[in-house]
Amino acid sequence: MTLDPDQVDQTPAAADALPNWAGDLLGRVRAAAEAGETVTVTSDVRMLTPAQVGRRLGLSRSTVTRRVAKGEIHAVMVGNRHRIPYPEYQRIWRELAQRIAADSAEDVEAELFG
């Protein structure tokens, strides 16, 4: 079973309920244990290419690559290619969303309140 980090961010409807992904994981672990299987849970850091980050943020691959070269985006080398850890992508996304919100706040206020 592979969990996408986006799925883990989902919260359950009730405060005391498990998210769907956690219930699915527990069910699979329980079934494997009941069948006498050994269960191993591992995790990997999700890595994105500059092109993937660019598509998600509405930027070109070359813009992402330039920002990596300037040190504005943290990336690691995998072989001879840059890979951007998923938490770094999330940081960039939050910063971009905050900047957009701040830049458009006056326009939104004028539209709503005249």
C-alpha atoms as a PDB file:
ATOM      1  CA  MET A   1       0.000   0.000   0.000  1.00  0.00           C
ATOM      2  CA  THR A   2       1.384   3.384  -0.943  1.00  0.00           C
ATOM      3  CA  LEU A   3       0.149   6.513   0.805  1.00  0.00           C
ATOM      4  CA  ASP A   4       0.360   9.800  -1.050  1.00  0.00           C
ATOM      5  CA  PRO A   5       1.262  12.698   1.282  1.00  0.00           C
ATOM      6  CA  ASP A   6      -1.789  14.559  -0.024  1.00  0.00           C
ATOM      7  CA  GLN A   7      -4.029  11.773   1.321  1.00  0.00           C
ATOM      8  CA  VAL A   8      -2.487  11.977   4.780  1.00  0.00           C
ATOM      9  CA  ASP A   9      -3.414  15.666   5.037  1.00  0.00           C
ATOM     10  CA  GLN A  10      -7.116  14.788   4.842  1.00  0.00           C
ATOM     11  CA  THR A  11      -8.893  15.003   8.182  1.00  0.00           C
ATOM     12  CA  PRO A  12     -11.721  12.718   9.271  1.00  0.00           C
ATOM     13  CA  ALA A  13     -15.307  13.951   9.491  1.00  0.00           C
ATOM     14  CA  ALA A  14     -15.524  13.241  13.240  1.00  0.00           C
ATOM     15  CA  ALA A  15     -12.821  14.322  15.663  1.00  0.00           C
ATOM     16  CA  ASP A  16     -12.490  10.828  17.182  1.00  0.00           C
ATOM     17  CA  ALA A  17     -12.565   8.942  13.845  1.00  0.00           C
ATOM     18  CA  LEU A  18      -9.521   7.711  11.982  1.00  0.00           C
ATOM     19  CA  PRO A  19      -8.858   9.141   8.521  1.00  0.00           C
ATOM     20  CA  ASN A  20      -9.747   6.709   5.712  1.00  0.00           C
ATOM     21  CA  TRP A  21      -6.104   6.044   4.889  1.00  0.00           C
ATOM     22  CA  ALA A  22      -5.341   5.038   8.505  1.00  0.00           C
ATOM     23  CA  GLY A  23      -8.307   2.670   8.637  1.00  0.00           C
ATOM     24  CA  ASP A  24      -7.224   1.069   5.343  1.00  0.00           C
ATOM     25  CA  LEU A  25      -3.672   0.644   6.626  1.00  0.00           C
ATOM     26  CA  LEU A  26      -4.817  -0.895   9.914  1.00  0.00           C
ATOM     27  CA  GLY A  27      -7.124  -3.284   8.056  1.00  0.00           C
ATOM     28  CA  ARG A  28      -4.326  -4.486   5.799  1.00  0.00           C
ATOM     29  CA  VAL A  29      -1.909  -4.893   8.705  1.00  0.00           C
ATOM     30  CA  ARG A  30      -4.501  -6.803  10.737  1.00  0.00           C
ATOM     31  CA  ALA A  31      -5.310  -9.116   7.799  1.00  0.00           C
ATOM     32  CA  ALA A  32      -1.626  -9.831   7.174  1.00  0.00           C
ATOM     33  CA  ALA A  33      -0.949 -10.498  10.872  1.00  0.00           C
ATOM     34  CA  GLU A  34      -3.957 -12.840  11.101  1.00  0.00           C
ATOM     35  CA  ALA A  35      -2.590 -14.724   8.086  1.00  0.00           C
ATOM     36  CA  GLY A  36       0.720 -15.182   9.936  1.00  0.00           C
ATOM     37  CA  GLU A  37       2.609 -12.727   7.764  1.00  0.00           C
ATOM     38  CA  THR A  38       5.295 -10.367   8.988  1.00  0.00           C
ATOM     39  CA  VAL A  39       4.410  -6.739   8.383  1.00  0.00           C
ATOM     40  CA  THR A  40       7.034  -4.101   7.673  1.00  0.00           C
ATOM     41  CA  VAL A  41       6.120  -0.432   7.306  1.00  0.00           C
ATOM     42  CA  THR A  42       8.669   1.853   5.657  1.00  0.00           C
ATOM     43  CA  SER A  43       8.739   5.394   4.393  1.00  0.00           C
ATOM     44  CA  ASP A  44      10.605   7.214   1.646  1.00  0.00           C
ATOM     45  CA  VAL A  45      11.060  10.902   1.092  1.00  0.00           C
ATOM     46  CA  ARG A  46       8.928  11.782  -1.895  1.00  0.00           C
ATOM     47  CA  MET A  47      10.989  13.599  -4.493  1.00  0.00           C
ATOM     48  CA  LEU A  48       9.746  15.726  -7.370  1.00  0.00           C
ATOM     49  CA  THR A  49      11.553  16.806 -10.514  1.00  0.00           C
ATOM     50  CA  PRO A  50      11.875  20.512 -11.339  1.00  0.00           C
ATOM     51  CA  ALA A  51       9.360  19.951 -14.157  1.00  0.00           C
ATOM     52  CA  GLN A  52       6.834  18.405 -11.745  1.00  0.00           C
ATOM     53  CA  VAL A  53       7.243  21.286  -9.285  1.00  0.00           C
ATOM     54  CA  GLY A  54       6.903  23.777 -12.128  1.00  0.00           C
ATOM     55  CA  ARG A  55       3.665  22.204 -13.378  1.00  0.00           C
ATOM     56  CA  ARG A  56       2.175  22.184  -9.880  1.00  0.00           C
ATOM     57  CA  LEU A  57       3.107  25.824  -9.251  1.00  0.00           C
ATOM     58  CA  GLY A  58       2.443  27.228 -12.707  1.00  0.00           C
ATOM     59  CA  LEU A  59       6.142  27.917 -13.311  1.00  0.00           C
ATOM     60  CA  SER A  60       8.435  26.722 -16.052  1.00  0.00           C
ATOM     61  CA  ARG A  61      10.975  23.998 -15.392  1.00  0.00           C
ATOM     62  CA  SER A  62      13.760  26.452 -16.163  1.00  0.00           C
ATOM     63  CA  THR A  63      12.428  28.918 -13.567  1.00  0.00           C
ATOM     64  CA  VAL A  64      12.452  26.190 -10.926  1.00  0.00           C
ATOM     65  CA  THR A  65      15.956  25.142 -11.987  1.00  0.00           C
ATOM     66  CA  ARG A  66      17.190  28.757 -11.771  1.00  0.00           C
ATOM     67  CA  ARG A  67      15.713  29.105  -8.284  1.00  0.00           C
ATOM     68  CA  VAL A  68      17.464  25.868  -7.275  1.00  0.00           C
ATOM     69  CA  ALA A  69      20.764  27.239  -8.612  1.00  0.00           C
ATOM     70  CA  LYS A  70      20.265  30.489  -6.644  1.00  0.00           C
ATOM     71  CA  GLY A  71      19.581  28.511  -3.466  1.00  0.00           C
ATOM     72  CA  GLU A  72      15.976  29.730  -3.205  1.00  0.00           C
ATOM     73  CA  ILE A  73      14.710  26.154  -3.535  1.00  0.00           C
ATOM     74  CA  HIS A  74      16.407  23.312  -1.682  1.00  0.00           C
ATOM     75  CA  ALA A  75      17.117  20.336  -3.931  1.00  0.00           C
ATOM     76  CA  VAL A  76      19.237  17.229  -3.654  1.00  0.00           C
ATOM     77  CA  MET A  77      21.245  15.584  -6.361  1.00  0.00           C
ATOM     78  CA  VAL A  78      20.108  12.112  -7.396  1.00  0.00           C
ATOM     79  CA  GLY A  79      22.744  10.991  -9.820  1.00  0.00           C
ATOM     80  CA  ASN A  80      23.277  14.099 -11.939  1.00  0.00           C
ATOM     81  CA  ARG A  81      19.696  15.396 -11.598  1.00  0.00           C
ATOM     82  CA  HIS A  82      18.063  17.722  -9.111  1.00  0.00           C
ATOM     83  CA  ARG A  83      15.183  16.378  -7.053  1.00  0.00           C
ATOM     84  CA  ILE A  84      13.064  18.509  -4.758  1.00  0.00           C
ATOM     85  CA  PRO A  85      11.843  16.883  -1.527  1.00  0.00           C
ATOM     86  CA  TYR A  86       8.072  17.012  -1.119  1.00  0.00           C
ATOM     87  CA  PRO A  87       8.234  19.087   2.111  1.00  0.00           C
ATOM     88  CA  GLU A  88      10.264  21.697   0.205  1.00  0.00           C
ATOM     89  CA  TYR A  89       7.613  21.779  -2.528  1.00  0.00           C
ATOM     90  CA  GLN A  90       4.949  22.317   0.172  1.00  0.00           C
ATOM     91  CA  ARG A  91       6.998  25.194   1.641  1.00  0.00           C
ATOM     92  CA  ILE A  92       7.299  26.859  -1.759  1.00  0.00           C
ATOM     93  CA  TRP A  93       3.567  26.390  -2.417  1.00  0.00           C
ATOM     94  CA  ARG A  94       2.634  27.984   0.931  1.00  0.00           C
ATOM     95  CA  GLU A  95       4.957  30.947   0.322  1.00  0.00           C
ATOM     96  CA  LEU A  96       3.553  31.467  -3.172  1.00  0.00           C
ATOM     97  CA  ALA A  97      -0.044  31.261  -1.894  1.00  0.00           C
ATOM     98  CA  GLN A  98       0.707  33.770   0.882  1.00  0.00           C
ATOM     99  CA  ARG A  99       2.353  36.141  -1.587  1.00  0.00           C
ATOM    100  CA  ILE A 100      -0.612  35.922  -3.968  1.00  0.00           C
ATOM    101  CA  ALA A 101      -3.070  36.507  -1.117  1.00  0.00           C
ATOM    102  CA  ALA A 102      -1.108  39.521   0.128  1.00  0.00           C
ATOM    103  CA  ASP A 103      -0.714  40.991  -3.359  1.00  0.00           C
ATOM    104  CA  SER A 104      -4.415  40.647  -4.155  1.00  0.00           C
ATOM    105  CA  ALA A 105      -5.826  41.634  -0.735  1.00  0.00           C
ATOM    106  CA  GLU A 106      -6.495  45.258  -1.751  1.00  0.00           C
ATOM    107  CA  ASP A 107      -8.242  44.212  -4.971  1.00  0.00           C
ATOM    108  CA  VAL A 108     -10.405  41.698  -3.119  1.00  0.00           C
ATOM    109  CA  GLU A 109     -11.300  44.260  -0.457  1.00  0.00           C
ATOM    110  CA  ALA A 110     -12.197  46.838  -3.101  1.00  0.00           C
ATOM    111  CA  GLU A 111     -14.330  44.301  -4.958  1.00  0.00           C
ATOM    112  CA  LEU A 112     -16.181  43.246  -1.808  1.00  0.00           C
ATOM    113  CA  PHE A 113     -16.568  46.582  -0.038  1.00  0.00           C
ATOM    114  CA  GLY A 114     -16.311  49.102  -2.855  1.00  0.00           C
END
